[in-house]
């Protein structure tokens, strides 16, 4: 069992932060529900590439921000940032081609 000081420093802040973010998302979604958009029949590969690049960049930066706050700042584990940067880059090297293949197959068999 972890010491009480460790629990308050390592476990409680991420849980509280995640809960606050969740509550904020529920509140925003309740106040302004998403408007249904007209779906585009065929978007270009350029549009898909921009969407994928923005999604990858934002996700990578969000992950590194989370690691920076919770592992480096709160848990004082300075090696975690380098490990997370390398690990996330490796995962992206696997995931991005998979999404491109899925999009290509989807376009091929879309009516």
N, C-alpha and C. Protein backbone atom coordinates (compact mmCIF):
# COMPACT_ATOMS: atom_id res chain seq x y z
N UNK A 1 0.85 -1.18 0.00
CA UNK A 1 0.00 0.00 0.00
C UNK A 1 0.89 1.24 0.00
N UNK A 2 0.53 2.20 -0.79
CA UNK A 2 1.30 3.44 -0.90
C UNK A 2 1.07 4.30 0.34
N UNK A 3 2.10 5.05 0.74
CA UNK A 3 1.92 5.96 1.88
C UNK A 3 0.86 7.02 1.56
N UNK A 4 0.22 7.54 2.59
CA UNK A 4 -0.86 8.50 2.43
C UNK A 4 -0.40 9.74 1.67
N UNK A 5 0.80 10.22 1.94
CA UNK A 5 1.32 11.39 1.23
C UNK A 5 1.43 11.15 -0.26
N UNK A 6 1.85 9.93 -0.64
CA UNK A 6 1.94 9.59 -2.05
C UNK A 6 0.58 9.54 -2.71
N UNK A 7 -0.40 9.03 -2.00
CA UNK A 7 -1.76 8.96 -2.57
C UNK A 7 -2.28 10.35 -2.85
N UNK A 8 -2.09 11.26 -1.90
CA UNK A 8 -2.59 12.63 -2.09
C UNK A 8 -1.84 13.36 -3.18
N UNK A 9 -0.58 13.02 -3.37
CA UNK A 9 0.24 13.74 -4.36
C UNK A 9 0.16 13.11 -5.75
N UNK A 10 0.03 11.79 -5.85
CA UNK A 10 0.09 11.11 -7.14
C UNK A 10 -1.26 10.67 -7.70
N UNK A 11 -2.21 10.39 -6.85
CA UNK A 11 -3.47 9.81 -7.32
C UNK A 11 -4.61 10.82 -7.32
N UNK A 12 -4.75 11.57 -6.26
CA UNK A 12 -5.89 12.48 -6.14
C UNK A 12 -5.89 13.59 -7.19
N UNK A 13 -4.77 14.30 -7.44
CA UNK A 13 -4.83 15.38 -8.44
C UNK A 13 -5.28 14.93 -9.83
N UNK A 14 -4.78 13.81 -10.38
CA UNK A 14 -5.28 13.40 -11.70
C UNK A 14 -6.76 13.04 -11.68
N UNK A 15 -7.21 12.39 -10.61
CA UNK A 15 -8.62 12.03 -10.53
C UNK A 15 -9.52 13.26 -10.45
N UNK A 16 -9.14 14.21 -9.63
CA UNK A 16 -9.94 15.43 -9.50
C UNK A 16 -9.92 16.22 -10.80
N UNK A 17 -8.76 16.33 -11.43
CA UNK A 17 -8.66 17.07 -12.69
C UNK A 17 -9.51 16.41 -13.77
N UNK A 18 -9.46 15.10 -13.89
CA UNK A 18 -10.27 14.40 -14.89
C UNK A 18 -11.76 14.60 -14.60
N UNK A 19 -12.15 14.55 -13.35
CA UNK A 19 -13.55 14.73 -13.01
C UNK A 19 -14.03 16.15 -13.32
N UNK A 20 -13.20 17.14 -13.04
CA UNK A 20 -13.56 18.53 -13.34
C UNK A 20 -13.69 18.74 -14.84
N UNK A 21 -12.77 18.18 -15.62
CA UNK A 21 -12.85 18.29 -17.08
C UNK A 21 -14.11 17.61 -17.59
N UNK A 22 -14.43 16.44 -17.04
CA UNK A 22 -15.64 15.74 -17.44
C UNK A 22 -16.88 16.56 -17.14
N UNK A 23 -16.95 17.14 -15.95
CA UNK A 23 -18.11 17.96 -15.60
C UNK A 23 -18.23 19.19 -16.50
N UNK A 24 -17.10 19.80 -16.83
CA UNK A 24 -17.12 20.95 -17.74
C UNK A 24 -17.61 20.54 -19.12
N UNK A 25 -17.19 19.39 -19.60
CA UNK A 25 -17.65 18.91 -20.91
C UNK A 25 -19.15 18.64 -20.90
N UNK A 26 -19.65 18.04 -19.83
CA UNK A 26 -21.08 17.77 -19.73
C UNK A 26 -21.86 19.08 -19.71
N UNK A 27 -21.36 20.06 -18.99
CA UNK A 27 -22.06 21.34 -18.90
C UNK A 27 -22.10 22.05 -20.26
N UNK A 28 -20.97 22.08 -20.95
CA UNK A 28 -20.92 22.73 -22.27
C UNK A 28 -21.81 22.00 -23.26
N UNK A 29 -21.77 20.67 -23.25
CA UNK A 29 -22.59 19.89 -24.18
C UNK A 29 -24.08 20.08 -23.88
N UNK A 30 -24.43 20.25 -22.63
CA UNK A 30 -25.83 20.44 -22.27
C UNK A 30 -26.36 21.80 -22.68
N UNK A 31 -25.50 22.79 -22.64
CA UNK A 31 -25.92 24.16 -22.99
C UNK A 31 -26.02 24.37 -24.49
N UNK A 32 -25.13 23.79 -25.24
CA UNK A 32 -25.14 23.99 -26.68
C UNK A 32 -24.93 22.67 -27.40
N UNK A 33 -26.00 21.94 -27.64
CA UNK A 33 -25.84 20.66 -28.33
C UNK A 33 -25.33 20.88 -29.76
N UNK A 34 -24.62 19.91 -30.25
CA UNK A 34 -24.01 20.02 -31.58
C UNK A 34 -25.09 20.07 -32.65
N UNK A 35 -24.89 20.94 -33.62
CA UNK A 35 -25.79 21.04 -34.76
C UNK A 35 -25.43 19.94 -35.75
N UNK A 36 -26.43 19.26 -36.28
CA UNK A 36 -26.11 18.24 -37.28
C UNK A 36 -25.57 18.89 -38.55
N UNK A 37 -24.45 18.37 -39.02
CA UNK A 37 -23.84 18.91 -40.22
C UNK A 37 -24.21 18.04 -41.41
N UNK A 38 -24.31 18.68 -42.55
CA UNK A 38 -24.53 17.92 -43.78
C UNK A 38 -23.23 17.20 -44.11
N UNK A 39 -23.30 15.90 -44.27
CA UNK A 39 -22.09 15.14 -44.54
C UNK A 39 -21.69 15.31 -46.01
N UNK A 40 -20.41 15.42 -46.19
CA UNK A 40 -19.91 15.54 -47.55
C UNK A 40 -19.84 14.14 -48.15
N UNK A 41 -20.28 14.03 -49.39
CA UNK A 41 -20.26 12.73 -50.05
C UNK A 41 -18.83 12.21 -50.16
N UNK A 42 -18.00 13.00 -50.80
CA UNK A 42 -16.61 12.60 -51.01
C UNK A 42 -15.70 13.77 -50.65
N UNK A 43 -15.03 13.66 -49.54
CA UNK A 43 -14.05 14.69 -49.23
C UNK A 43 -12.73 14.28 -49.88
N UNK A 44 -11.90 15.25 -50.13
CA UNK A 44 -10.64 14.97 -50.83
C UNK A 44 -9.62 14.34 -49.88
N UNK A 45 -8.59 13.78 -50.48
CA UNK A 45 -7.51 13.23 -49.68
C UNK A 45 -6.79 14.34 -48.93
N UNK A 46 -6.75 15.54 -49.51
CA UNK A 46 -6.13 16.67 -48.83
C UNK A 46 -6.86 17.03 -47.55
N UNK A 47 -8.19 17.01 -47.61
CA UNK A 47 -8.99 17.28 -46.41
C UNK A 47 -8.73 16.23 -45.34
N UNK A 48 -8.68 14.97 -45.76
CA UNK A 48 -8.40 13.89 -44.81
C UNK A 48 -7.00 14.04 -44.22
N UNK A 49 -6.02 14.40 -45.06
CA UNK A 49 -4.65 14.55 -44.57
C UNK A 49 -4.55 15.69 -43.56
N UNK A 50 -5.24 16.81 -43.83
CA UNK A 50 -5.24 17.92 -42.87
C UNK A 50 -5.90 17.51 -41.56
N UNK A 51 -7.03 16.82 -41.66
CA UNK A 51 -7.74 16.34 -40.47
C UNK A 51 -6.84 15.41 -39.65
N UNK A 52 -6.17 14.49 -40.33
CA UNK A 52 -5.31 13.53 -39.65
C UNK A 52 -4.11 14.24 -39.01
N UNK A 53 -3.50 15.18 -39.72
CA UNK A 53 -2.34 15.90 -39.19
C UNK A 53 -2.71 16.72 -37.96
N UNK A 54 -3.84 17.42 -38.02
CA UNK A 54 -4.28 18.22 -36.87
C UNK A 54 -4.61 17.32 -35.69
N UNK A 55 -5.29 16.23 -35.94
CA UNK A 55 -5.66 15.30 -34.87
C UNK A 55 -4.41 14.70 -34.22
N UNK A 56 -3.45 14.30 -35.03
CA UNK A 56 -2.21 13.71 -34.51
C UNK A 56 -1.44 14.74 -33.68
N UNK A 57 -1.29 15.95 -34.21
CA UNK A 57 -0.52 16.98 -33.50
C UNK A 57 -1.19 17.36 -32.18
N UNK A 58 -2.50 17.56 -32.21
CA UNK A 58 -3.20 17.93 -30.98
C UNK A 58 -3.16 16.81 -29.95
N UNK A 59 -3.35 15.58 -30.38
CA UNK A 59 -3.30 14.45 -29.46
C UNK A 59 -1.92 14.26 -28.85
N UNK A 60 -0.88 14.41 -29.68
CA UNK A 60 0.49 14.27 -29.20
C UNK A 60 0.82 15.35 -28.18
N UNK A 61 0.45 16.58 -28.48
CA UNK A 61 0.71 17.68 -27.55
C UNK A 61 -0.10 17.53 -26.26
N UNK A 62 -1.34 17.06 -26.38
CA UNK A 62 -2.16 16.85 -25.17
C UNK A 62 -1.54 15.77 -24.29
N UNK A 63 -1.08 14.68 -24.90
CA UNK A 63 -0.44 13.62 -24.13
C UNK A 63 0.81 14.14 -23.42
N UNK A 64 1.64 14.88 -24.15
CA UNK A 64 2.85 15.40 -23.53
C UNK A 64 2.52 16.41 -22.43
N UNK A 65 1.46 17.18 -22.60
CA UNK A 65 1.03 18.10 -21.54
C UNK A 65 0.59 17.37 -20.29
N UNK A 66 -0.15 16.29 -20.48
CA UNK A 66 -0.59 15.48 -19.34
C UNK A 66 0.61 14.88 -18.62
N UNK A 67 1.55 14.33 -19.36
CA UNK A 67 2.75 13.74 -18.76
C UNK A 67 3.55 14.82 -18.04
N UNK A 68 3.66 15.99 -18.65
CA UNK A 68 4.42 17.08 -18.04
C UNK A 68 3.82 17.48 -16.69
N UNK A 69 2.50 17.60 -16.64
CA UNK A 69 1.85 18.03 -15.40
C UNK A 69 1.87 16.93 -14.35
N UNK A 70 1.39 15.75 -14.71
CA UNK A 70 1.18 14.73 -13.69
C UNK A 70 2.41 13.91 -13.36
N UNK A 71 3.29 13.66 -14.32
CA UNK A 71 4.46 12.84 -14.01
C UNK A 71 5.68 13.68 -13.66
N UNK A 72 5.93 14.72 -14.45
CA UNK A 72 7.13 15.52 -14.20
C UNK A 72 6.91 16.48 -13.04
N UNK A 73 5.81 17.22 -13.08
CA UNK A 73 5.60 18.25 -12.06
C UNK A 73 5.12 17.66 -10.74
N UNK A 74 4.05 16.86 -10.76
CA UNK A 74 3.50 16.35 -9.50
C UNK A 74 4.28 15.16 -8.95
N UNK A 75 4.61 14.19 -9.79
CA UNK A 75 5.28 12.99 -9.31
C UNK A 75 6.80 13.12 -9.31
N UNK A 76 7.30 14.20 -9.90
CA UNK A 76 8.75 14.48 -9.96
C UNK A 76 9.54 13.35 -10.61
N UNK A 77 8.97 12.80 -11.68
CA UNK A 77 9.63 11.74 -12.45
C UNK A 77 10.06 12.34 -13.78
N UNK A 78 11.27 12.90 -13.82
CA UNK A 78 11.71 13.66 -14.99
C UNK A 78 12.02 12.77 -16.19
N UNK A 79 12.26 11.51 -16.00
CA UNK A 79 12.50 10.61 -17.13
C UNK A 79 11.24 10.23 -17.86
N UNK A 80 10.09 10.47 -17.26
CA UNK A 80 8.82 10.09 -17.88
C UNK A 80 8.54 10.89 -19.14
N UNK A 81 8.98 12.14 -19.19
CA UNK A 81 8.68 12.97 -20.36
C UNK A 81 9.39 12.44 -21.60
N UNK A 82 10.65 12.11 -21.48
CA UNK A 82 11.40 11.57 -22.61
C UNK A 82 10.80 10.24 -23.05
N UNK A 83 10.45 9.41 -22.09
CA UNK A 83 9.85 8.11 -22.40
C UNK A 83 8.50 8.28 -23.09
N UNK A 84 7.69 9.20 -22.61
CA UNK A 84 6.37 9.43 -23.22
C UNK A 84 6.50 10.00 -24.62
N UNK A 85 7.46 10.89 -24.84
CA UNK A 85 7.65 11.47 -26.17
C UNK A 85 8.06 10.39 -27.17
N UNK A 86 8.97 9.52 -26.79
CA UNK A 86 9.42 8.45 -27.68
C UNK A 86 8.33 7.41 -27.87
N UNK A 87 7.67 7.02 -26.79
CA UNK A 87 6.62 6.01 -26.89
C UNK A 87 5.43 6.47 -27.72
N UNK A 88 5.03 7.72 -27.52
CA UNK A 88 3.90 8.25 -28.29
C UNK A 88 4.27 8.38 -29.76
N UNK A 89 5.50 8.77 -30.06
CA UNK A 89 5.93 8.85 -31.46
C UNK A 89 5.92 7.48 -32.11
N UNK A 90 6.33 6.45 -31.37
CA UNK A 90 6.29 5.08 -31.91
C UNK A 90 4.85 4.64 -32.16
N UNK A 91 3.96 4.96 -31.24
CA UNK A 91 2.55 4.61 -31.45
C UNK A 91 1.96 5.33 -32.65
N UNK A 92 2.33 6.60 -32.83
CA UNK A 92 1.85 7.35 -33.99
C UNK A 92 2.38 6.76 -35.29
N UNK A 93 3.62 6.28 -35.27
CA UNK A 93 4.20 5.66 -36.46
C UNK A 93 3.43 4.40 -36.86
N UNK A 94 2.78 3.78 -35.90
CA UNK A 94 1.96 2.61 -36.19
C UNK A 94 0.53 3.02 -36.53
N UNK A 95 -0.04 3.94 -35.76
CA UNK A 95 -1.46 4.27 -35.89
C UNK A 95 -1.79 5.07 -37.15
N UNK A 96 -0.95 6.00 -37.53
CA UNK A 96 -1.26 6.86 -38.68
C UNK A 96 -1.40 6.04 -39.97
N UNK A 97 -0.46 5.14 -40.29
CA UNK A 97 -0.67 4.33 -41.49
C UNK A 97 -1.92 3.45 -41.42
N UNK A 98 -2.25 2.98 -40.22
CA UNK A 98 -3.47 2.17 -40.07
C UNK A 98 -4.70 3.01 -40.43
N UNK A 99 -4.76 4.25 -39.96
CA UNK A 99 -5.89 5.11 -40.29
C UNK A 99 -5.94 5.43 -41.78
N UNK A 100 -4.79 5.58 -42.41
CA UNK A 100 -4.77 5.84 -43.85
C UNK A 100 -5.30 4.62 -44.61
N UNK A 101 -4.89 3.43 -44.20
CA UNK A 101 -5.38 2.21 -44.85
C UNK A 101 -6.88 2.06 -44.64
N UNK A 102 -7.36 2.32 -43.44
CA UNK A 102 -8.80 2.22 -43.17
C UNK A 102 -9.57 3.21 -44.03
N UNK A 103 -9.06 4.42 -44.18
CA UNK A 103 -9.72 5.43 -45.02
C UNK A 103 -9.73 4.99 -46.48
N UNK A 104 -8.61 4.43 -46.94
CA UNK A 104 -8.54 3.97 -48.33
C UNK A 104 -9.53 2.84 -48.58
N UNK A 105 -9.61 1.89 -47.67
CA UNK A 105 -10.56 0.78 -47.82
C UNK A 105 -12.00 1.31 -47.76
N UNK A 106 -12.25 2.23 -46.85
CA UNK A 106 -13.58 2.82 -46.73
C UNK A 106 -13.98 3.54 -48.02
N UNK A 107 -13.06 4.28 -48.62
CA UNK A 107 -13.36 4.98 -49.87
C UNK A 107 -13.57 3.99 -51.01
N UNK A 108 -12.84 2.91 -50.98
CA UNK A 108 -12.94 1.92 -52.05
C UNK A 108 -14.30 1.24 -52.06
N UNK A 109 -14.84 0.94 -50.89
CA UNK A 109 -16.09 0.20 -50.81
C UNK A 109 -17.29 1.07 -50.46
N UNK A 110 -17.10 2.38 -50.41
CA UNK A 110 -18.22 3.29 -50.16
C UNK A 110 -19.09 3.37 -51.42
N UNK A 111 -20.42 3.29 -51.26
CA UNK A 111 -21.28 3.33 -52.46
C UNK A 111 -21.28 4.69 -53.13
